[in-house]
Amino acid sequence: MDDLNMVSTVAGALSERAKIAVASQLKNKFVRGDVEIPERLVENLSYHLGKGETHYPDRPGMLELRKCIGKELGSYLDDPRDQNEVLVTASEGEAVFVTMLGLDLVPEGGVVAQKGLRHQALFDWMGIRVYGLEDTGIPVAYWELDSEIGEECFKGNVGTKICAFGNALYGERSEILKLASDTIMVGSLSSLLGIHGFDLGFVSAEASLLKRITSWKQASSICAPSPSQRVALWALGERP
């Protein structure tokens, strides 16, 4: 058997195993921990597996999902973001991680931010120092949407502004804020179903800057899992 046929045979066998595993879940209610996964979601995933979706998706993320995110980001900007200005990640933490690398803040970089960040441990691990609002001369402002300080981080002569949404993009919002058009946006999609294991994140930025961030993303994990992206699209109303 030549190498090409061998690869095809292995891929086919794995595809069949995936189909069997999903089909077995259709016979019973599938429960993960205390969260029940909707039967129609399992059917949706089975459908896409049956269509041969057993490969990596587009590296920046599935086009349909990037379009949905970009459209929703228009709530915070004067205009929606183009799909080419959106990168889907495995989590919000990964989105923050590759953004900091893309901005060349490692090693020994710094951001102006409020204290008590959700991702403080990640900043510490990366060696990025968090400066208080009273400090000047720091070129990057990082603001988490659920902070009490809010837009204070974005005032002054800061060149690059990053807003971390958490689950706010498709979750509950106390208010809609209008941000500067060049703001880098980072967030999570885990509120779509609230099921751990289907977590996804995203980062959105101007295309040339996002290209730098994407290069680090590809070096760290290639692309976010295809099933998780299908779950997100299903939660947003996409049906086969």
Protein backbone atom coordinates (compact mmCIF):
# COMPACT_ATOMS: atom_id res chain seq x y z
CA MET A 1 0.00 0.00 0.00
CA ASP A 2 1.49 3.34 -0.99
CA ASP A 3 1.75 6.21 1.51
CA LEU A 4 -1.16 8.15 0.02
CA ASN A 5 -3.58 5.21 0.24
CA MET A 6 -2.37 4.44 3.76
CA VAL A 7 -3.16 7.97 4.93
CA SER A 8 -6.59 7.79 3.27
CA THR A 9 -7.34 4.45 4.94
CA VAL A 10 -6.33 5.68 8.39
CA ALA A 11 -8.35 8.88 7.99
CA GLY A 12 -11.37 6.85 6.88
CA ALA A 13 -11.10 4.52 9.85
CA LEU A 14 -10.89 7.42 12.29
CA SER A 15 -13.88 9.04 10.62
CA GLU A 16 -15.92 5.85 11.04
CA ARG A 17 -14.94 5.62 14.72
CA ALA A 18 -16.07 9.21 15.24
CA LYS A 19 -19.41 8.52 13.55
CA ILE A 20 -19.98 5.42 15.69
CA ALA A 21 -19.13 7.32 18.89
CA VAL A 22 -21.59 10.10 18.09
CA ALA A 23 -24.28 7.69 16.90
CA SER A 24 -24.09 5.83 20.21
CA GLN A 25 -24.91 9.06 22.01
CA LEU A 26 -28.09 9.48 19.98
CA LYS A 27 -29.54 6.38 21.67
CA ASN A 28 -29.13 7.82 25.15
CA LYS A 29 -29.27 11.22 26.76
CA PHE A 30 -25.74 12.50 26.84
CA VAL A 31 -24.85 14.19 30.12
CA ARG A 32 -21.52 15.76 30.95
CA GLY A 33 -21.26 16.49 34.65
CA ASP A 34 -24.43 18.29 35.71
CA VAL A 35 -25.07 19.82 32.26
CA GLU A 36 -27.20 18.00 29.72
CA ILE A 37 -26.05 18.36 26.15
CA PRO A 38 -29.12 18.89 23.93
CA GLU A 39 -29.93 15.88 21.77
CA ARG A 40 -30.38 18.08 18.72
CA LEU A 41 -26.85 19.42 19.22
CA VAL A 42 -25.50 15.85 19.14
CA GLU A 43 -27.51 15.29 15.96
CA ASN A 44 -26.02 18.46 14.50
CA LEU A 45 -22.48 17.34 15.26
CA SER A 46 -23.24 13.87 13.87
CA TYR A 47 -24.51 15.46 10.67
CA HIS A 48 -21.27 17.37 10.12
CA LEU A 49 -19.17 14.30 10.94
CA GLY A 50 -21.22 12.34 8.43
CA LYS A 51 -20.41 14.98 5.84
CA GLY A 52 -16.73 14.31 6.42
CA GLU A 53 -15.89 17.21 8.73
CA THR A 54 -13.11 15.34 10.51
CA HIS A 55 -10.31 17.70 9.57
CA TYR A 56 -8.97 21.00 10.88
CA PRO A 57 -11.22 23.98 10.14
CA ASP A 58 -9.90 27.21 8.66
CA ARG A 59 -6.99 28.25 10.84
CA PRO A 60 -8.42 31.66 11.78
CA GLY A 61 -11.74 29.94 12.58
CA MET A 62 -14.80 28.93 10.59
CA LEU A 63 -15.86 31.73 8.27
CA GLU A 64 -19.50 31.63 9.43
CA LEU A 65 -18.49 31.99 13.07
CA ARG A 66 -16.06 34.84 12.39
CA LYS A 67 -18.84 36.66 10.51
CA CYS A 68 -21.20 36.23 13.49
CA ILE A 69 -18.62 37.56 15.94
CA GLY A 70 -17.68 40.49 13.71
CA LYS A 71 -21.33 41.45 13.31
CA GLU A 72 -21.95 41.34 17.07
CA LEU A 73 -18.87 43.46 17.76
CA GLY A 74 -20.64 46.22 15.86
CA SER A 75 -22.65 46.78 19.06
CA TYR A 76 -19.51 48.24 20.60
CA LEU A 77 -18.18 50.06 17.54
CA ASP A 78 -19.55 52.41 14.92
CA ASP A 79 -19.38 49.56 12.38
CA PRO A 80 -19.19 45.76 12.53
CA ARG A 81 -15.82 44.08 12.16
CA ASP A 82 -14.98 42.23 8.96
CA GLN A 83 -14.53 38.44 9.27
CA ASN A 84 -10.87 38.93 8.33
CA GLU A 85 -10.48 41.01 11.49
CA VAL A 86 -11.62 38.16 13.76
CA LEU A 87 -9.57 35.20 15.03
CA VAL A 88 -11.24 32.31 16.87
CA THR A 89 -9.21 30.81 19.73
CA ALA A 90 -9.56 27.88 22.12
CA SER A 91 -10.35 30.21 25.03
CA GLU A 92 -10.28 33.84 26.12
CA GLY A 93 -7.02 33.14 27.93
CA GLU A 94 -5.39 31.98 24.71
CA ALA A 95 -6.72 35.10 22.96
CA VAL A 96 -5.04 37.29 25.59
CA PHE A 97 -1.85 35.21 25.37
CA VAL A 98 -1.40 35.48 21.59
CA THR A 99 -2.42 39.15 21.59
CA MET A 100 0.34 40.02 24.04
CA LEU A 101 2.83 38.08 21.94
CA GLY A 102 1.59 39.76 18.77
CA LEU A 103 2.13 43.17 20.36
CA ASP A 104 5.73 42.23 21.25
CA LEU A 105 5.07 42.71 24.97
CA VAL A 106 7.13 39.66 25.89
CA PRO A 107 9.57 39.75 27.52
CA GLU A 108 9.47 42.62 30.01
CA GLY A 109 6.43 44.40 28.60
CA GLY A 110 3.80 46.34 30.50
CA VAL A 111 0.20 47.48 30.34
CA VAL A 112 -1.84 50.11 32.14
CA ALA A 113 -4.74 48.32 33.82
CA GLN A 114 -6.84 48.03 36.95
CA LYS A 115 -5.81 45.71 39.75
CA GLY A 116 -7.42 42.33 40.28
CA LEU A 117 -7.49 41.19 36.66
CA ARG A 118 -9.12 37.88 35.73
CA HIS A 119 -5.98 37.01 33.80
CA GLN A 120 -3.47 38.32 36.34
CA ALA A 121 -1.87 34.88 36.70
CA LEU A 122 -1.34 34.75 32.93
CA PHE A 123 0.24 38.21 32.94
CA ASP A 124 2.53 37.15 35.78
CA TRP A 125 3.54 33.96 33.97
CA MET A 126 4.30 35.90 30.78
CA GLY A 127 6.32 38.48 32.67
CA ILE A 128 4.05 41.37 31.70
CA ARG A 129 3.87 44.02 34.39
CA VAL A 130 0.55 45.67 35.22
CA TYR A 131 0.96 49.36 35.96
CA GLY A 132 -1.54 51.50 37.85
CA LEU A 133 -3.57 54.24 36.25
CA GLU A 134 -1.34 56.86 37.82
CA ASP A 135 1.65 55.66 35.77
CA THR A 136 2.39 57.40 32.49
CA GLY A 137 4.35 56.49 29.42
CA ILE A 138 2.92 52.95 29.11
CA PRO A 139 1.86 52.42 25.47
CA VAL A 140 -0.81 49.73 26.02
CA ALA A 141 -4.05 49.99 28.01
CA TYR A 142 -5.82 46.76 29.00
CA TRP A 143 -9.37 46.95 30.29
CA GLU A 144 -11.65 44.14 31.40
CA LEU A 145 -15.26 45.01 30.71
CA ASP A 146 -16.54 43.92 34.12
CA SER A 147 -14.12 46.18 36.01
CA GLU A 148 -15.36 48.94 38.28
CA ILE A 149 -12.81 51.40 36.92
CA GLY A 150 -14.11 51.03 33.38
CA GLU A 151 -13.08 53.53 30.76
CA GLU A 152 -10.54 55.25 33.01
CA CYS A 153 -8.00 52.82 31.56
CA PHE A 154 -8.72 54.13 28.09
CA LYS A 155 -8.18 57.80 28.82
CA GLY A 156 -4.94 59.60 28.13
CA ASN A 157 -2.41 59.22 25.36
CA VAL A 158 -2.29 55.44 25.20
CA GLY A 159 -1.54 54.09 21.73
CA THR A 160 -2.93 50.56 21.85
CA LYS A 161 -6.17 49.77 23.66
CA ILE A 162 -7.35 46.25 24.52
CA CYS A 163 -10.81 45.49 25.86
CA ALA A 164 -11.38 42.01 27.32
CA PHE A 165 -15.10 41.14 27.23
CA GLY A 166 -15.25 37.90 29.14
CA ASN A 167 -18.67 36.43 28.31
CA ALA A 168 -20.31 39.78 27.60
CA LEU A 169 -20.48 39.53 23.81
CA TYR A 170 -23.40 37.09 23.84
CA GLY A 171 -24.18 37.32 27.54
CA GLU A 172 -25.97 39.86 29.69
CA ARG A 173 -24.75 43.44 29.38
CA SER A 174 -25.47 46.21 31.81
CA GLU A 175 -24.88 48.75 29.07
CA ILE A 176 -23.60 49.04 25.55
CA LEU A 177 -20.37 51.00 25.28
CA LYS A 178 -18.99 52.63 22.18
CA LEU A 179 -15.27 51.99 21.88
CA ALA A 180 -12.62 53.52 19.65
CA SER A 181 -12.56 51.92 16.20
CA ASP A 182 -8.97 50.70 16.67
CA THR A 183 -9.64 48.89 19.96
CA ILE A 184 -8.40 45.29 20.12
CA MET A 185 -11.27 43.15 21.42
CA VAL A 186 -10.77 39.90 23.31
CA GLY A 187 -13.52 37.67 24.64
CA SER A 188 -15.09 34.31 25.38
CA LEU A 189 -17.95 32.42 23.74
CA SER A 190 -18.54 30.05 26.65
CA SER A 191 -21.79 31.80 27.59
CA LEU A 192 -23.43 30.49 24.42
CA LEU A 193 -24.26 27.15 26.03
CA GLY A 194 -22.46 27.32 29.34
CA ILE A 195 -20.93 23.88 28.75
CA HIS A 196 -17.31 23.42 29.81
CA GLY A 197 -15.45 21.60 27.08
CA PHE A 198 -17.01 23.66 24.31
CA ASP A 199 -15.24 26.84 25.40
CA LEU A 200 -14.01 29.18 22.70
CA GLY A 201 -12.49 32.64 22.66
CA PHE A 202 -11.78 35.29 20.07
CA VAL A 203 -9.62 38.30 19.35
CA SER A 204 -10.52 41.03 16.88
CA ALA A 205 -8.17 43.69 15.58
CA GLU A 206 -7.25 45.63 12.46
CA ALA A 207 -6.20 43.17 9.75
CA SER A 208 -2.43 43.88 9.66
CA LEU A 209 -2.17 43.66 13.45
CA LEU A 210 -4.34 40.56 13.58
CA LYS A 211 -1.96 38.90 11.14
CA ARG A 212 0.83 39.23 13.70
CA ILE A 213 -1.41 37.84 16.45
CA THR A 214 -2.52 34.98 14.20
CA SER A 215 1.08 33.95 13.56
CA TRP A 216 1.51 33.31 17.30
CA LYS A 217 -1.84 31.52 17.41
CA GLN A 218 -0.74 29.09 14.71
CA ALA A 219 2.50 28.47 16.58
CA SER A 220 0.67 27.65 19.82
CA SER A 221 -2.33 25.51 18.83
CA ILE A 222 -2.97 25.72 15.06
CA CYS A 223 -6.75 26.26 15.34
CA ALA A 224 -9.70 25.97 17.70
CA PRO A 225 -11.48 22.57 17.68
CA SER A 226 -13.97 22.09 14.87
CA PRO A 227 -16.71 20.54 17.10
CA SER A 228 -16.54 23.49 19.50
CA GLN A 229 -16.97 25.93 16.64
CA ARG A 230 -19.95 23.92 15.37
CA VAL A 231 -21.46 24.07 18.85
CA ALA A 232 -21.07 27.86 18.87
CA LEU A 233 -22.73 28.16 15.46
CA TRP A 234 -25.54 25.84 16.56
CA ALA A 235 -26.12 28.00 19.63
CA LEU A 236 -26.29 31.04 17.36
CA GLY A 237 -29.04 29.43 15.30
CA GLU A 238 -27.20 27.78 12.43
CA ARG A 239 -28.86 24.49 11.37
CA PRO A 240 -27.85 22.04 8.61
